[in-house]
């Protein structure tokens, strides 16, 4: 009976991702994603694109966001759309995202599938009814799909 209880508890811990021997790290950290590469660790304090979805205007000051370039604006070469890196890896398609975060950058050398760490502030263009991340700096981590 005692062994059955231990088995049930350990099974529940593993299903919820709370394996006690992993410390503060995610149990799947370092495991390859669907493209076969190990996922890069998220910098301390960084947000994923989906973290901004509910209230992008609610983020004040400088923020760091990780995402994958999904689209380039045909009208503005400095306007891009990011999707959540996790979502891009799972669906393996840049058109499947629930939320696209517009970003404005000075460096227009970005390409679809490039994974980025973007530091900037949320801004609004009332004329275009657009809320976007105005990039102060962009770290291009390279493409997640070749």
N, C-alpha and C. Protein backbone atom coordinates (compact mmCIF):
# COMPACT_ATOMS: atom_id res chain seq x y z
N UNK A 1 0.81 -1.19 0.00
CA UNK A 1 0.00 0.00 0.00
C UNK A 1 0.86 1.26 0.00
N UNK A 2 1.91 1.26 0.85
CA UNK A 2 2.79 2.43 0.94
C UNK A 2 3.47 2.70 -0.40
N UNK A 3 3.89 1.64 -1.10
CA UNK A 3 4.55 1.80 -2.39
C UNK A 3 3.56 2.37 -3.42
N UNK A 4 2.30 1.95 -3.34
CA UNK A 4 1.29 2.46 -4.27
C UNK A 4 1.07 3.96 -4.05
N UNK A 5 1.06 4.40 -2.80
CA UNK A 5 0.87 5.83 -2.49
C UNK A 5 2.07 6.63 -3.01
N UNK A 6 3.28 6.11 -2.78
CA UNK A 6 4.48 6.79 -3.28
C UNK A 6 4.43 6.88 -4.80
N UNK A 7 4.02 5.82 -5.46
CA UNK A 7 3.93 5.82 -6.93
C UNK A 7 2.92 6.86 -7.42
N UNK A 8 1.79 6.96 -6.75
CA UNK A 8 0.76 7.93 -7.15
C UNK A 8 1.28 9.35 -6.95
N UNK A 9 1.90 9.61 -5.80
CA UNK A 9 2.43 10.95 -5.53
C UNK A 9 3.51 11.32 -6.54
N UNK A 10 4.44 10.42 -6.81
CA UNK A 10 5.51 10.71 -7.77
C UNK A 10 4.94 10.91 -9.17
N UNK A 11 3.93 10.13 -9.54
CA UNK A 11 3.29 10.31 -10.84
C UNK A 11 2.66 11.68 -10.95
N UNK A 12 1.98 12.13 -9.89
CA UNK A 12 1.36 13.45 -9.89
C UNK A 12 2.41 14.55 -9.98
N UNK A 13 3.51 14.37 -9.26
CA UNK A 13 4.60 15.37 -9.29
C UNK A 13 5.17 15.47 -10.70
N UNK A 14 5.42 14.34 -11.33
CA UNK A 14 5.97 14.35 -12.68
C UNK A 14 5.01 14.95 -13.69
N UNK A 15 3.72 14.65 -13.56
CA UNK A 15 2.72 15.20 -14.49
C UNK A 15 2.60 16.71 -14.38
N UNK A 16 2.78 17.23 -13.19
CA UNK A 16 2.67 18.68 -13.01
C UNK A 16 3.99 19.39 -13.25
N UNK A 17 5.04 18.65 -13.57
CA UNK A 17 6.33 19.27 -13.86
C UNK A 17 7.09 19.69 -12.62
N UNK A 18 6.71 19.21 -11.47
CA UNK A 18 7.35 19.64 -10.23
C UNK A 18 8.27 18.60 -9.65
N UNK A 19 9.09 17.98 -10.45
CA UNK A 19 10.00 16.98 -9.92
C UNK A 19 10.94 17.63 -8.92
N UNK A 20 11.00 17.08 -7.69
CA UNK A 20 11.76 17.73 -6.64
C UNK A 20 13.26 17.81 -6.91
N UNK A 21 13.82 16.94 -7.71
CA UNK A 21 15.25 16.95 -7.93
C UNK A 21 15.67 17.92 -9.01
N UNK A 22 14.73 18.65 -9.61
CA UNK A 22 15.09 19.61 -10.65
C UNK A 22 15.35 20.99 -10.08
N UNK A 23 15.16 21.20 -8.80
CA UNK A 23 15.41 22.50 -8.20
C UNK A 23 14.47 23.54 -8.78
N UNK A 24 15.00 24.72 -9.08
CA UNK A 24 14.19 25.80 -9.64
C UNK A 24 14.12 25.76 -11.15
N UNK A 25 14.76 24.77 -11.77
CA UNK A 25 14.78 24.69 -13.23
C UNK A 25 13.61 23.86 -13.73
N UNK A 26 13.16 24.17 -14.92
CA UNK A 26 12.09 23.38 -15.50
C UNK A 26 12.59 21.97 -15.80
N UNK A 27 11.73 21.02 -15.65
CA UNK A 27 12.12 19.63 -15.87
C UNK A 27 12.54 19.39 -17.32
N UNK A 28 12.00 20.18 -18.27
CA UNK A 28 12.31 19.97 -19.68
C UNK A 28 13.41 20.89 -20.19
N UNK A 29 13.99 21.72 -19.32
CA UNK A 29 15.03 22.66 -19.75
C UNK A 29 16.20 21.88 -20.35
N UNK A 30 16.65 22.33 -21.49
CA UNK A 30 17.78 21.69 -22.15
C UNK A 30 17.38 20.56 -23.08
N UNK A 31 16.13 20.14 -23.02
CA UNK A 31 15.68 19.10 -23.94
C UNK A 31 15.46 19.69 -25.32
N UNK A 32 15.66 18.93 -26.38
CA UNK A 32 15.48 19.48 -27.72
C UNK A 32 14.02 19.79 -27.99
N UNK A 33 13.80 20.83 -28.80
CA UNK A 33 12.44 21.15 -29.21
C UNK A 33 12.10 20.32 -30.45
N UNK A 34 11.00 20.62 -31.09
CA UNK A 34 10.57 19.83 -32.26
C UNK A 34 11.52 19.97 -33.44
N UNK A 35 12.36 21.02 -33.45
CA UNK A 35 13.32 21.19 -34.52
C UNK A 35 14.65 20.51 -34.19
N UNK A 36 14.74 19.86 -33.03
CA UNK A 36 15.93 19.11 -32.67
C UNK A 36 16.99 19.91 -31.94
N UNK A 37 16.78 21.20 -31.72
CA UNK A 37 17.75 22.03 -31.01
C UNK A 37 17.32 22.17 -29.55
N UNK A 38 18.29 22.36 -28.67
CA UNK A 38 17.97 22.65 -27.28
C UNK A 38 17.42 24.08 -27.22
N UNK A 39 16.36 24.29 -26.46
CA UNK A 39 15.79 25.62 -26.32
C UNK A 39 16.73 26.48 -25.49
N UNK A 40 16.88 27.72 -25.93
CA UNK A 40 17.74 28.65 -25.20
C UNK A 40 17.05 29.07 -23.91
N UNK A 41 17.81 29.17 -22.82
CA UNK A 41 17.18 29.62 -21.57
C UNK A 41 16.75 31.08 -21.69
N UNK A 42 15.65 31.39 -21.07
CA UNK A 42 15.11 32.75 -21.08
C UNK A 42 15.90 33.60 -20.10
N UNK A 43 16.37 34.80 -20.52
CA UNK A 43 17.09 35.65 -19.57
C UNK A 43 16.21 36.02 -18.38
N UNK A 44 16.84 36.25 -17.25
CA UNK A 44 16.11 36.60 -16.03
C UNK A 44 15.28 37.87 -16.27
N UNK A 45 14.00 37.79 -15.91
CA UNK A 45 13.10 38.94 -16.05
C UNK A 45 12.48 39.09 -17.43
N UNK A 46 12.88 38.25 -18.39
CA UNK A 46 12.35 38.36 -19.75
C UNK A 46 10.94 37.80 -19.83
N UNK A 47 10.18 38.33 -20.77
CA UNK A 47 8.81 37.89 -21.01
C UNK A 47 8.75 37.13 -22.32
N UNK A 48 7.78 36.26 -22.43
CA UNK A 48 7.45 35.63 -23.71
C UNK A 48 6.38 36.49 -24.37
N UNK A 49 6.24 36.40 -25.67
CA UNK A 49 5.25 37.22 -26.40
C UNK A 49 3.85 37.04 -25.81
N UNK A 50 3.46 35.82 -25.50
CA UNK A 50 2.10 35.59 -24.99
C UNK A 50 1.86 36.23 -23.63
N UNK A 51 2.93 36.57 -22.91
CA UNK A 51 2.77 37.24 -21.63
C UNK A 51 2.18 38.65 -21.80
N UNK A 52 2.33 39.24 -22.98
CA UNK A 52 1.84 40.59 -23.23
C UNK A 52 0.44 40.62 -23.82
N UNK A 53 -0.05 39.48 -24.26
CA UNK A 53 -1.31 39.40 -25.00
C UNK A 53 -2.49 40.02 -24.27
N UNK A 54 -2.66 39.75 -23.00
CA UNK A 54 -3.85 40.20 -22.26
C UNK A 54 -3.91 41.72 -22.12
N UNK A 55 -2.76 42.37 -21.93
CA UNK A 55 -2.76 43.82 -21.69
C UNK A 55 -1.43 44.45 -22.11
N UNK A 56 -1.16 44.56 -23.41
CA UNK A 56 0.13 45.11 -23.84
C UNK A 56 0.35 46.55 -23.36
N UNK A 57 -0.71 47.34 -23.22
CA UNK A 57 -0.57 48.72 -22.75
C UNK A 57 -0.22 48.77 -21.26
N UNK A 58 -0.43 47.70 -20.56
CA UNK A 58 -0.19 47.67 -19.12
C UNK A 58 1.29 47.56 -18.75
N UNK A 59 2.16 47.33 -19.72
CA UNK A 59 3.59 47.21 -19.44
C UNK A 59 4.25 48.57 -19.60
N UNK A 60 4.76 49.09 -18.50
CA UNK A 60 5.39 50.41 -18.48
C UNK A 60 6.89 50.26 -18.32
N UNK A 61 7.63 51.18 -18.86
CA UNK A 61 9.08 51.15 -18.74
C UNK A 61 9.69 50.13 -19.69
N UNK A 62 10.97 49.90 -19.51
CA UNK A 62 11.71 49.00 -20.38
C UNK A 62 11.40 47.54 -20.03
N UNK A 63 11.13 46.74 -21.07
CA UNK A 63 10.88 45.30 -20.89
C UNK A 63 11.73 44.52 -21.88
N UNK A 64 11.97 43.27 -21.58
CA UNK A 64 12.71 42.36 -22.45
C UNK A 64 11.75 41.26 -22.87
N UNK A 65 11.61 41.07 -24.18
CA UNK A 65 10.66 40.09 -24.73
C UNK A 65 11.39 39.15 -25.67
N UNK A 66 11.10 37.84 -25.54
CA UNK A 66 11.64 36.82 -26.44
C UNK A 66 10.54 36.40 -27.39
N UNK A 67 10.87 36.34 -28.68
CA UNK A 67 9.90 35.89 -29.68
C UNK A 67 10.57 35.54 -30.99
N UNK A 68 9.76 35.07 -31.92
CA UNK A 68 10.22 34.67 -33.25
C UNK A 68 9.57 35.58 -34.28
N UNK A 69 10.39 36.07 -35.22
CA UNK A 69 9.88 36.93 -36.29
C UNK A 69 8.94 36.09 -37.17
N UNK A 70 7.70 36.56 -37.28
CA UNK A 70 6.71 35.83 -38.08
C UNK A 70 6.38 36.56 -39.38
N UNK A 71 6.34 37.89 -39.31
CA UNK A 71 5.94 38.67 -40.48
C UNK A 71 6.73 39.96 -40.55
N UNK A 72 6.86 40.47 -41.75
CA UNK A 72 7.46 41.77 -42.01
C UNK A 72 6.39 42.61 -42.69
N UNK A 73 6.20 43.84 -42.23
CA UNK A 73 5.18 44.69 -42.83
C UNK A 73 5.57 45.07 -44.25
N UNK A 74 4.65 44.93 -45.20
CA UNK A 74 4.95 45.34 -46.57
C UNK A 74 4.94 46.87 -46.72
N UNK A 75 4.41 47.57 -45.70
CA UNK A 75 4.28 49.02 -45.77
C UNK A 75 5.36 49.77 -44.99
N UNK A 76 5.98 49.10 -44.03
CA UNK A 76 6.97 49.73 -43.17
C UNK A 76 8.10 48.72 -42.92
N UNK A 77 9.28 48.93 -43.52
CA UNK A 77 10.37 47.95 -43.38
C UNK A 77 10.93 47.84 -41.97
N UNK A 78 10.51 48.72 -41.05
CA UNK A 78 10.98 48.65 -39.67
C UNK A 78 9.94 48.04 -38.74
N UNK A 79 8.81 47.58 -39.29
CA UNK A 79 7.73 47.00 -38.49
C UNK A 79 7.67 45.49 -38.75
N UNK A 80 7.79 44.74 -37.64
CA UNK A 80 7.77 43.28 -37.70
C UNK A 80 6.72 42.76 -36.73
N UNK A 81 6.35 41.50 -36.88
CA UNK A 81 5.44 40.85 -35.94
C UNK A 81 6.16 39.65 -35.34
N UNK A 82 6.14 39.60 -34.01
CA UNK A 82 6.73 38.47 -33.28
C UNK A 82 5.64 37.55 -32.79
N UNK A 83 5.94 36.25 -32.77
CA UNK A 83 5.06 35.30 -32.11
C UNK A 83 5.87 34.64 -30.99
N UNK A 84 5.17 34.02 -30.09
CA UNK A 84 5.80 33.35 -28.98
C UNK A 84 6.71 32.23 -29.49
N UNK A 85 7.94 32.18 -29.00
CA UNK A 85 8.90 31.16 -29.44
C UNK A 85 8.37 29.75 -29.21
N UNK A 86 7.71 29.56 -28.07
CA UNK A 86 7.19 28.23 -27.75
C UNK A 86 6.13 27.82 -28.75
N UNK A 87 5.28 28.76 -29.11
CA UNK A 87 4.21 28.48 -30.07
C UNK A 87 4.79 28.15 -31.45
N UNK A 88 5.81 28.91 -31.87
CA UNK A 88 6.44 28.66 -33.18
C UNK A 88 7.05 27.27 -33.22
N UNK A 89 7.66 26.86 -32.10
CA UNK A 89 8.28 25.54 -32.06
C UNK A 89 7.24 24.42 -32.12
N UNK A 90 6.13 24.62 -31.44
CA UNK A 90 5.11 23.58 -31.39
C UNK A 90 4.39 23.45 -32.73
N UNK A 91 3.92 24.57 -33.29
CA UNK A 91 3.14 24.44 -34.52
C UNK A 91 3.99 24.37 -35.77
N UNK A 92 5.27 24.76 -35.68
CA UNK A 92 6.18 24.72 -36.82
C UNK A 92 5.62 25.48 -38.01
N UNK A 93 4.91 26.56 -37.72
CA UNK A 93 4.29 27.39 -38.76
C UNK A 93 4.19 28.81 -38.20
N UNK A 94 4.47 29.80 -39.01
CA UNK A 94 4.42 31.19 -38.54
C UNK A 94 3.03 31.80 -38.64
N UNK A 95 2.08 31.07 -39.19
CA UNK A 95 0.71 31.59 -39.35
C UNK A 95 -0.28 31.03 -38.34
N UNK A 96 0.19 30.28 -37.36
CA UNK A 96 -0.73 29.62 -36.45
C UNK A 96 -0.89 30.35 -35.11
N UNK A 97 -0.19 31.45 -34.93
CA UNK A 97 -0.18 32.11 -33.62
C UNK A 97 -1.53 32.74 -33.30
N UNK A 98 -1.85 32.74 -31.98
CA UNK A 98 -3.06 33.40 -31.51
C UNK A 98 -2.83 34.90 -31.38
N UNK A 99 -1.57 35.30 -31.14
CA UNK A 99 -1.26 36.70 -30.89
C UNK A 99 0.06 37.07 -31.58
N UNK A 100 0.05 38.18 -32.27
CA UNK A 100 1.23 38.71 -32.93
C UNK A 100 1.58 40.04 -32.27
N UNK A 101 2.82 40.17 -31.78
CA UNK A 101 3.26 41.40 -31.14
C UNK A 101 4.01 42.24 -32.17
N UNK A 102 3.45 43.41 -32.53
CA UNK A 102 4.18 44.29 -33.45
C UNK A 102 5.41 44.88 -32.75
N UNK A 103 6.53 44.92 -33.46
CA UNK A 103 7.73 45.58 -32.94
C UNK A 103 8.27 46.51 -34.02
N UNK A 104 8.80 47.64 -33.59
CA UNK A 104 9.47 48.57 -34.51
C UNK A 104 10.94 48.55 -34.16
N UNK A 105 11.77 48.30 -35.17
CA UNK A 105 13.21 48.23 -34.98
C UNK A 105 13.90 49.08 -36.04
N UNK A 106 15.10 49.55 -35.72
CA UNK A 106 15.87 50.32 -36.69
C UNK A 106 16.58 49.40 -37.67
N UNK A 107 17.01 48.24 -37.18
CA UNK A 107 17.73 47.28 -38.01
C UNK A 107 16.72 46.40 -38.74
N UNK A 108 16.65 46.55 -40.03
CA UNK A 108 15.66 45.81 -40.82
C UNK A 108 16.24 44.53 -41.44
N UNK A 109 17.28 43.98 -40.85
CA UNK A 109 17.91 42.77 -41.39
C UNK A 109 17.31 41.50 -40.81
N UNK A 110 16.18 41.61 -40.16
CA UNK A 110 15.55 40.45 -39.54
C UNK A 110 14.79 39.65 -40.58
N UNK A 111 14.74 38.33 -40.35
CA UNK A 111 14.05 37.43 -41.28
C UNK A 111 13.08 36.54 -40.52
N UNK A 112 12.05 36.06 -41.20
CA UNK A 112 11.15 35.10 -40.56
C UNK A 112 11.94 33.92 -40.00
N UNK A 113 11.50 33.45 -38.85
CA UNK A 113 12.07 32.35 -38.07
C UNK A 113 13.25 32.79 -37.20
N UNK A 114 13.71 34.06 -37.29
CA UNK A 114 14.75 34.53 -36.39
C UNK A 114 14.17 34.64 -34.98
N UNK A 115 14.87 34.08 -34.01
CA UNK A 115 14.45 34.22 -32.62
C UNK A 115 15.20 35.41 -32.03
N UNK A 116 14.45 36.28 -31.33
CA UNK A 116 15.01 37.54 -30.85
C UNK A 116 14.77 37.72 -29.35
N UNK A 117 15.68 38.46 -28.74
CA UNK A 117 15.45 39.08 -27.44
C UNK A 117 15.37 40.57 -27.74
N UNK A 118 14.22 41.16 -27.51
CA UNK A 118 14.00 42.58 -27.83
C UNK A 118 13.79 43.35 -26.53
N UNK A 119 14.61 44.37 -26.32
CA UNK A 119 14.43 45.27 -25.17
C UNK A 119 13.86 46.57 -25.71
N UNK A 120 12.78 47.02 -25.06
CA UNK A 120 12.16 48.26 -25.50
C UNK A 120 11.00 48.65 -24.61
N UNK A 121 10.22 49.59 -25.10
CA UNK A 121 9.06 50.08 -24.36
C UNK A 121 7.82 49.98 -25.24
N UNK A 122 6.69 49.74 -24.60
CA UNK A 122 5.44 49.68 -25.33
C UNK A 122 5.04 51.10 -25.75
N UNK A 123 4.60 51.24 -26.98
CA UNK A 123 4.21 52.53 -27.53
C UNK A 123 2.89 52.36 -28.28
N UNK A 124 2.27 53.49 -28.60
CA UNK A 124 0.98 53.44 -29.29
C UNK A 124 0.98 54.43 -30.45
N UNK A 125 0.45 54.00 -31.58
CA UNK A 125 0.24 54.86 -32.73
C UNK A 125 -1.27 54.99 -32.89
N UNK A 126 -1.87 56.07 -32.34
CA UNK A 126 -3.33 56.21 -32.36
C UNK A 126 -3.90 56.28 -33.78
N UNK A 127 -3.15 56.87 -34.70
CA UNK A 127 -3.64 56.99 -36.08
C UNK A 127 -3.85 55.61 -36.71
N UNK A 128 -2.94 54.69 -36.43
CA UNK A 128 -3.04 53.33 -36.99
C UNK A 128 -3.73 52.36 -36.03
N UNK A 129 -4.11 52.86 -34.83
CA UNK A 129 -4.70 52.02 -33.80
C UNK A 129 -3.82 50.80 -33.54
N UNK A 130 -2.53 51.10 -33.32
CA UNK A 130 -1.53 50.05 -33.17
C UNK A 130 -0.76 50.24 -31.88
N UNK A 131 -0.67 49.19 -31.09
CA UNK A 131 0.18 49.15 -29.90
C UNK A 131 1.35 48.24 -30.26
N UNK A 132 2.57 48.75 -30.07
CA UNK A 132 3.74 48.00 -30.50
C UNK A 132 4.87 48.16 -29.50
N UNK A 133 5.88 47.31 -29.63
CA UNK A 133 7.08 47.39 -28.82
C UNK A 133 8.12 48.17 -29.61
N UNK A 134 8.49 49.35 -29.11
CA UNK A 134 9.54 50.16 -29.74
C UNK A 134 10.88 49.64 -29.23
N UNK A 135 11.64 49.03 -30.12
CA UNK A 135 12.88 48.37 -29.72
C UNK A 135 14.01 49.37 -29.48
N UNK A 136 14.67 49.23 -28.34
CA UNK A 136 15.89 49.97 -28.05
C UNK A 136 17.10 49.12 -28.46
N UNK A 137 16.97 47.80 -28.27
CA UNK A 137 18.04 46.89 -28.67
C UNK A 137 17.42 45.55 -29.08
N UNK A 138 18.10 44.91 -30.00
CA UNK A 138 17.64 43.61 -30.49
C UNK A 138 18.83 42.65 -30.49
N UNK A 139 18.65 41.52 -29.84
CA UNK A 139 19.64 40.46 -29.89
C UNK A 139 19.06 39.34 -30.76
N UNK A 140 19.67 39.13 -31.92
CA UNK A 140 19.21 38.09 -32.83
C UNK A 140 19.89 36.79 -32.44
N UNK A 141 19.11 35.82 -31.97
CA UNK A 141 19.65 34.53 -31.54
C UNK A 141 19.78 33.55 -32.69
N UNK A 142 19.37 33.96 -33.89
CA UNK A 142 19.45 33.11 -35.06
C UNK A 142 18.15 32.40 -35.33
N UNK A 143 18.04 31.76 -36.48
CA UNK A 143 16.80 31.08 -36.86
C UNK A 143 16.58 29.81 -36.03
N UNK A 144 15.30 29.54 -35.75
CA UNK A 144 14.98 28.29 -35.06
C UNK A 144 14.62 27.21 -36.07
N UNK A 145 14.46 27.60 -37.32
CA UNK A 145 14.14 26.64 -38.38
C UNK A 145 15.03 26.93 -39.57
N UNK A 146 15.58 25.89 -40.11
CA UNK A 146 16.48 26.08 -41.27
C UNK A 146 15.81 25.69 -42.55
